[in-house]
Amino acid sequence: PEKAIIQVERYLEATSQLAQTTLRA
């Protein structure tokens, strides 16, 4: 939990964007 809050802003949105780009790649 500490990494999900400190290391990235809005981890849900970040994971969604990363999944989209990875799927295309």
PDB file of all heavy atoms in Angstrom:
ATOM      1  N   PRO A   1       0.807  -1.232   0.000  1.00  0.00           N
ATOM      2  CA  PRO A   1       0.000   0.000   0.000  1.00  0.00           C
ATOM      3  C   PRO A   1       0.835   1.275   0.000  1.00  0.00           C
ATOM      4  O   PRO A   1       0.468   2.259  -0.659  1.00  0.00           O
ATOM      5  CB  PRO A   1      -0.828  -0.131   1.278  1.00  0.00           C
ATOM      6  CG  PRO A   1      -0.848  -1.588   1.590  1.00  0.00           C
ATOM      7  CD  PRO A   1       0.456  -2.119   1.117  1.00  0.00           C
ATOM      8  N   GLU A   2       1.964   1.271   0.731  1.00  0.00           N
ATOM      9  CA  GLU A   2       2.765   2.495   0.796  1.00  0.00           C
ATOM     10  C   GLU A   2       3.345   2.864  -0.566  1.00  0.00           C
ATOM     11  O   GLU A   2       3.412   4.036  -0.940  1.00  0.00           O
ATOM     12  CB  GLU A   2       3.881   2.347   1.840  1.00  0.00           C
ATOM     13  CG  GLU A   2       4.974   1.338   1.520  1.00  0.00           C
ATOM     14  CD  GLU A   2       4.580  -0.091   1.835  1.00  0.00           C
ATOM     15  OE1 GLU A   2       3.412  -0.311   2.184  1.00  0.00           O
ATOM     16  OE2 GLU A   2       5.447  -0.981   1.750  1.00  0.00           O
ATOM     17  N   LYS A   3       3.743   1.853  -1.369  1.00  0.00           N
ATOM     18  CA  LYS A   3       4.269   2.139  -2.703  1.00  0.00           C
ATOM     19  C   LYS A   3       3.162   2.639  -3.635  1.00  0.00           C
ATOM     20  O   LYS A   3       3.387   3.525  -4.454  1.00  0.00           O
ATOM     21  CB  LYS A   3       4.923   0.886  -3.292  1.00  0.00           C
ATOM     22  CG  LYS A   3       6.213   0.474  -2.614  1.00  0.00           C
ATOM     23  CD  LYS A   3       6.812  -0.731  -3.315  1.00  0.00           C
ATOM     24  CE  LYS A   3       8.125  -1.161  -2.675  1.00  0.00           C
ATOM     25  NZ  LYS A   3       8.716  -2.331  -3.359  1.00  0.00           N
ATOM     26  N   ALA A   4       1.972   2.038  -3.529  1.00  0.00           N
ATOM     27  CA  ALA A   4       0.868   2.432  -4.400  1.00  0.00           C
ATOM     28  C   ALA A   4       0.463   3.876  -4.179  1.00  0.00           C
ATOM     29  O   ALA A   4      -0.037   4.537  -5.101  1.00  0.00           O
ATOM     30  CB  ALA A   4      -0.328   1.506  -4.174  1.00  0.00           C
ATOM     31  N   ILE A   5       0.681   4.404  -2.971  1.00  0.00           N
ATOM     32  CA  ILE A   5       0.308   5.787  -2.676  1.00  0.00           C
ATOM     33  C   ILE A   5       1.472   6.741  -2.926  1.00  0.00           C
ATOM     34  O   ILE A   5       1.287   7.850  -3.442  1.00  0.00           O
ATOM     35  CB  ILE A   5      -0.179   5.912  -1.221  1.00  0.00           C
ATOM     36  CG1 ILE A   5      -1.410   5.042  -1.000  1.00  0.00           C
ATOM     37  CG2 ILE A   5      -0.481   7.351  -0.865  1.00  0.00           C
ATOM     38  CD1 ILE A   5      -2.583   5.403  -1.875  1.00  0.00           C
ATOM     39  N   ILE A   6       2.690   6.325  -2.580  1.00  0.00           N
ATOM     40  CA  ILE A   6       3.841   7.232  -2.646  1.00  0.00           C
ATOM     41  C   ILE A   6       4.486   7.244  -4.037  1.00  0.00           C
ATOM     42  O   ILE A   6       4.846   8.316  -4.545  1.00  0.00           O
ATOM     43  CB  ILE A   6       4.889   6.835  -1.581  1.00  0.00           C
ATOM     44  CG1 ILE A   6       4.285   6.962  -0.177  1.00  0.00           C
ATOM     45  CG2 ILE A   6       6.136   7.690  -1.699  1.00  0.00           C
ATOM     46  CD1 ILE A   6       5.190   6.450   0.922  1.00  0.00           C
ATOM     47  N   GLN A   7       4.620   6.071  -4.668  1.00  0.00           N
ATOM     48  CA  GLN A   7       5.398   5.985  -5.899  1.00  0.00           C
ATOM     49  C   GLN A   7       4.650   6.446  -7.139  1.00  0.00           C
ATOM     50  O   GLN A   7       5.283   6.814  -8.136  1.00  0.00           O
ATOM     51  CB  GLN A   7       5.882   4.536  -6.108  1.00  0.00           C
ATOM     52  CG  GLN A   7       6.780   4.015  -5.004  1.00  0.00           C
ATOM     53  CD  GLN A   7       8.087   4.793  -4.909  1.00  0.00           C
ATOM     54  OE1 GLN A   7       8.565   5.330  -5.900  1.00  0.00           O
ATOM     55  NE2 GLN A   7       8.651   4.857  -3.707  1.00  0.00           N
ATOM     56  N   VAL A   8       3.332   6.434  -7.134  1.00  0.00           N
ATOM     57  CA  VAL A   8       2.577   6.779  -8.327  1.00  0.00           C
ATOM     58  C   VAL A   8       1.323   7.554  -7.924  1.00  0.00           C
ATOM     59  O   VAL A   8       0.721   7.292  -6.875  1.00  0.00           O
ATOM     60  CB  VAL A   8       2.205   5.501  -9.127  1.00  0.00           C
ATOM     61  CG1 VAL A   8       1.332   4.582  -8.294  1.00  0.00           C
ATOM     62  CG2 VAL A   8       1.509   5.859 -10.433  1.00  0.00           C
ATOM     63  N   GLU A   9       0.953   8.504  -8.765  1.00  0.00           N
ATOM     64  CA  GLU A   9      -0.271   9.271  -8.531  1.00  0.00           C
ATOM     65  C   GLU A   9      -1.444   8.559  -9.206  1.00  0.00           C
ATOM     66  O   GLU A   9      -1.408   8.267 -10.397  1.00  0.00           O
ATOM     67  CB  GLU A   9      -0.120  10.676  -9.108  1.00  0.00           C
ATOM     68  CG  GLU A   9      -1.349  11.559  -8.901  1.00  0.00           C
ATOM     69  CD  GLU A   9      -1.197  12.920  -9.554  1.00  0.00           C
ATOM     70  OE1 GLU A   9      -0.184  13.106 -10.268  1.00  0.00           O
ATOM     71  OE2 GLU A   9      -2.072  13.769  -9.354  1.00  0.00           O
ATOM     72  N   ARG A  10      -2.483   8.248  -8.438  1.00  0.00           N
ATOM     73  CA  ARG A  10      -3.672   7.555  -8.922  1.00  0.00           C
ATOM     74  C   ARG A  10      -3.267   6.263  -9.633  1.00  0.00           C
ATOM     75  O   ARG A  10      -3.259   6.179 -10.872  1.00  0.00           O
ATOM     76  CB  ARG A  10      -4.483   8.465  -9.842  1.00  0.00           C
ATOM     77  CG  ARG A  10      -5.088   9.668  -9.124  1.00  0.00           C
ATOM     78  CD  ARG A  10      -6.128  10.356  -9.994  1.00  0.00           C
ATOM     79  NE  ARG A  10      -5.529  10.909 -11.201  1.00  0.00           N
ATOM     80  CZ  ARG A  10      -5.001  12.132 -11.281  1.00  0.00           C
ATOM     81  NH1 ARG A  10      -4.987  12.922 -10.215  1.00  0.00           N
ATOM     82  NH2 ARG A  10      -4.498  12.568 -12.406  1.00  0.00           N
ATOM     83  N   TYR A  11      -2.939   5.252  -8.854  1.00  0.00           N
ATOM     84  CA  TYR A  11      -2.401   4.006  -9.389  1.00  0.00           C
ATOM     85  C   TYR A  11      -3.400   3.282 -10.288  1.00  0.00           C
ATOM     86  O   TYR A  11      -3.015   2.551 -11.205  1.00  0.00           O
ATOM     87  CB  TYR A  11      -1.931   3.084  -8.255  1.00  0.00           C
ATOM     88  CG  TYR A  11      -3.017   2.598  -7.332  1.00  0.00           C
ATOM     89  CD1 TYR A  11      -3.699   1.418  -7.595  1.00  0.00           C
ATOM     90  CD2 TYR A  11      -3.360   3.307  -6.184  1.00  0.00           C
ATOM     91  CE1 TYR A  11      -4.695   0.963  -6.751  1.00  0.00           C
ATOM     92  CE2 TYR A  11      -4.351   2.861  -5.335  1.00  0.00           C
ATOM     93  CZ  TYR A  11      -5.014   1.683  -5.614  1.00  0.00           C
ATOM     94  OH  TYR A  11      -5.996   1.226  -4.770  1.00  0.00           O
ATOM     95  N   LEU A  12      -4.696   3.467 -10.064  1.00  0.00           N
ATOM     96  CA  LEU A  12      -5.685   2.823 -10.929  1.00  0.00           C
ATOM     97  C   LEU A  12      -5.619   3.367 -12.352  1.00  0.00           C
ATOM     98  O   LEU A  12      -5.584   2.605 -13.331  1.00  0.00           O
ATOM     99  CB  LEU A  12      -7.088   3.026 -10.353  1.00  0.00           C
ATOM    100  CG  LEU A  12      -7.402   2.303  -9.039  1.00  0.00           C
ATOM    101  CD1 LEU A  12      -8.783   2.700  -8.538  1.00  0.00           C
ATOM    102  CD2 LEU A  12      -7.320   0.799  -9.219  1.00  0.00           C
ATOM    103  N   GLU A  13      -5.576   4.684 -12.479  1.00  0.00           N
ATOM    104  CA  GLU A  13      -5.477   5.289 -13.804  1.00  0.00           C
ATOM    105  C   GLU A  13      -4.141   4.974 -14.462  1.00  0.00           C
ATOM    106  O   GLU A  13      -4.073   4.701 -15.674  1.00  0.00           O
ATOM    107  CB  GLU A  13      -5.652   6.800 -13.693  1.00  0.00           C
ATOM    108  CG  GLU A  13      -5.604   7.526 -15.020  1.00  0.00           C
ATOM    109  CD  GLU A  13      -5.781   9.024 -14.877  1.00  0.00           C
ATOM    110  OE1 GLU A  13      -6.087   9.485 -13.753  1.00  0.00           O
ATOM    111  OE2 GLU A  13      -5.619   9.741 -15.886  1.00  0.00           O
ATOM    112  N   ALA A  14      -3.065   4.970 -13.691  1.00  0.00           N
ATOM    113  CA  ALA A  14      -1.748   4.662 -14.253  1.00  0.00           C
ATOM    114  C   ALA A  14      -1.691   3.235 -14.774  1.00  0.00           C
ATOM    115  O   ALA A  14      -1.143   2.969 -15.856  1.00  0.00           O
ATOM    116  CB  ALA A  14      -0.666   4.881 -13.190  1.00  0.00           C
ATOM    117  N   THR A  15      -2.269   2.302 -14.027  1.00  0.00           N
ATOM    118  CA  THR A  15      -2.276   0.905 -14.468  1.00  0.00           C
ATOM    119  C   THR A  15      -3.120   0.729 -15.716  1.00  0.00           C
ATOM    120  O   THR A  15      -2.758  -0.031 -16.624  1.00  0.00           O
ATOM    121  CB  THR A  15      -2.813   0.011 -13.342  1.00  0.00           C
ATOM    122  OG1 THR A  15      -2.027   0.203 -12.164  1.00  0.00           O
ATOM    123  CG2 THR A  15      -2.742  -1.456 -13.739  1.00  0.00           C
ATOM    124  N   SER A  16      -4.226   1.439 -15.802  1.00  0.00           N
ATOM    125  CA  SER A  16      -5.078   1.354 -16.988  1.00  0.00           C
ATOM    126  C   SER A  16      -4.352   1.860 -18.225  1.00  0.00           C
ATOM    127  O   SER A  16      -4.381   1.213 -19.290  1.00  0.00           O
ATOM    128  CB  SER A  16      -6.361   2.159 -16.755  1.00  0.00           C
ATOM    129  OG  SER A  16      -7.153   2.177 -17.914  1.00  0.00           O
ATOM    130  N   GLN A  17      -3.691   2.996 -18.129  1.00  0.00           N
ATOM    131  CA  GLN A  17      -2.965   3.539 -19.277  1.00  0.00           C
ATOM    132  C   GLN A  17      -1.814   2.628 -19.694  1.00  0.00           C
ATOM    133  O   GLN A  17      -1.564   2.419 -20.887  1.00  0.00           O
ATOM    134  CB  GLN A  17      -2.439   4.938 -18.942  1.00  0.00           C
ATOM    135  CG  GLN A  17      -3.519   5.980 -18.709  1.00  0.00           C
ATOM    136  CD  GLN A  17      -4.362   6.228 -19.949  1.00  0.00           C
ATOM    137  OE1 GLN A  17      -3.854   6.194 -21.075  1.00  0.00           O
ATOM    138  NE2 GLN A  17      -5.647   6.476 -19.743  1.00  0.00           N
ATOM    139  N   LEU A  18      -1.121   2.075 -18.715  1.00  0.00           N
ATOM    140  CA  LEU A  18      -0.017   1.164 -19.024  1.00  0.00           C
ATOM    141  C   LEU A  18      -0.528  -0.104 -19.700  1.00  0.00           C
ATOM    142  O   LEU A  18       0.109  -0.621 -20.630  1.00  0.00           O
ATOM    143  CB  LEU A  18       0.731   0.818 -17.738  1.00  0.00           C
ATOM    144  CG  LEU A  18       1.944  -0.105 -17.889  1.00  0.00           C
ATOM    145  CD1 LEU A  18       2.991   0.523 -18.792  1.00  0.00           C
ATOM    146  CD2 LEU A  18       2.558  -0.435 -16.526  1.00  0.00           C
ATOM    147  N   ALA A  19      -1.677  -0.613 -19.278  1.00  0.00           N
ATOM    148  CA  ALA A  19      -2.243  -1.813 -19.892  1.00  0.00           C
ATOM    149  C   ALA A  19      -2.614  -1.554 -21.350  1.00  0.00           C
ATOM    150  O   ALA A  19      -2.404  -2.411 -22.215  1.00  0.00           O
ATOM    151  CB  ALA A  19      -3.463  -2.276 -19.106  1.00  0.00           C
ATOM    152  N   GLN A  20      -3.135  -0.388 -21.655  1.00  0.00           N
ATOM    153  CA  GLN A  20      -3.516  -0.068 -23.031  1.00  0.00           C
ATOM    154  C   GLN A  20      -2.297  -0.004 -23.950  1.00  0.00           C
ATOM    155  O   GLN A  20      -2.287  -0.571 -25.044  1.00  0.00           O
ATOM    156  CB  GLN A  20      -4.271   1.262 -23.056  1.00  0.00           C
ATOM    157  CG  GLN A  20      -5.604   1.234 -22.331  1.00  0.00           C
ATOM    158  CD  GLN A  20      -6.282   2.581 -22.320  1.00  0.00           C
ATOM    159  OE1 GLN A  20      -6.183   3.351 -23.283  1.00  0.00           O
ATOM    160  NE2 GLN A  20      -6.981   2.909 -21.243  1.00  0.00           N
ATOM    161  N   THR A  21      -1.264   0.685 -23.516  1.00  0.00           N
ATOM    162  CA  THR A  21      -0.056   0.802 -24.353  1.00  0.00           C
ATOM    163  C   THR A  21       0.647  -0.544 -24.504  1.00  0.00           C
ATOM    164  O   THR A  21       1.155  -0.870 -25.581  1.00  0.00           O
ATOM    165  CB  THR A  21       0.906   1.829 -23.750  1.00  0.00           C
ATOM    166  OG1 THR A  21       1.217   1.457 -22.394  1.00  0.00           O
ATOM    167  CG2 THR A  21       0.277   3.209 -23.733  1.00  0.00           C
ATOM    168  N   THR A  22       0.675  -1.332 -23.438  1.00  0.00           N
ATOM    169  CA  THR A  22       1.318  -2.651 -23.516  1.00  0.00           C
ATOM    170  C   THR A  22       0.556  -3.579 -24.444  1.00  0.00           C
ATOM    171  O   THR A  22       1.154  -4.357 -25.202  1.00  0.00           O
ATOM    172  CB  THR A  22       1.421  -3.275 -22.113  1.00  0.00           C
ATOM    173  OG1 THR A  22       2.125  -2.382 -21.246  1.00  0.00           O
ATOM    174  CG2 THR A  22       2.159  -4.598 -22.162  1.00  0.00           C
ATOM    175  N   LEU A  23      -0.773  -3.525 -24.405  1.00  0.00           N
ATOM    176  CA  LEU A  23      -1.591  -4.352 -25.295  1.00  0.00           C
ATOM    177  C   LEU A  23      -1.291  -4.044 -26.752  1.00  0.00           C
ATOM    178  O   LEU A  23      -1.109  -4.959 -27.570  1.00  0.00           O
ATOM    179  CB  LEU A  23      -3.069  -4.124 -24.986  1.00  0.00           C
ATOM    180  CG  LEU A  23      -4.082  -4.933 -25.811  1.00  0.00           C
ATOM    181  CD1 LEU A  23      -3.943  -6.415 -25.519  1.00  0.00           C
ATOM    182  CD2 LEU A  23      -5.501  -4.467 -25.526  1.00  0.00           C
ATOM    183  N   ARG A  24      -1.208  -2.766 -27.099  1.00  0.00           N
ATOM    184  CA  ARG A  24      -0.893  -2.396 -28.489  1.00  0.00           C
ATOM    185  C   ARG A  24       0.524  -2.811 -28.870  1.00  0.00           C
ATOM    186  O   ARG A  24       0.753  -3.309 -29.980  1.00  0.00           O
ATOM    187  CB  ARG A  24      -1.068  -0.885 -28.685  1.00  0.00           C
ATOM    188  CG  ARG A  24      -2.502  -0.396 -28.602  1.00  0.00           C
ATOM    189  CD  ARG A  24      -2.629   1.019 -29.147  1.00  0.00           C
ATOM    190  NE  ARG A  24      -1.816   1.955 -28.378  1.00  0.00           N
ATOM    191  CZ  ARG A  24      -2.267   2.655 -27.340  1.00  0.00           C
ATOM    192  NH1 ARG A  24      -3.520   2.500 -26.928  1.00  0.00           N
ATOM    193  NH2 ARG A  24      -1.486   3.511 -26.702  1.00  0.00           N
ATOM    194  N   ALA A  25       1.460  -2.627 -27.957  1.00  0.00           N
ATOM    195  CA  ALA A  25       2.855  -2.927 -28.279  1.00  0.00           C
ATOM    196  C   ALA A  25       3.077  -4.423 -28.483  1.00  0.00           C
ATOM    197  O   ALA A  25       3.778  -4.830 -29.415  1.00  0.00           O
ATOM    198  CB  ALA A  25       3.764  -2.411 -27.162  1.00  0.00           C
TER     199      ALA A  25
END
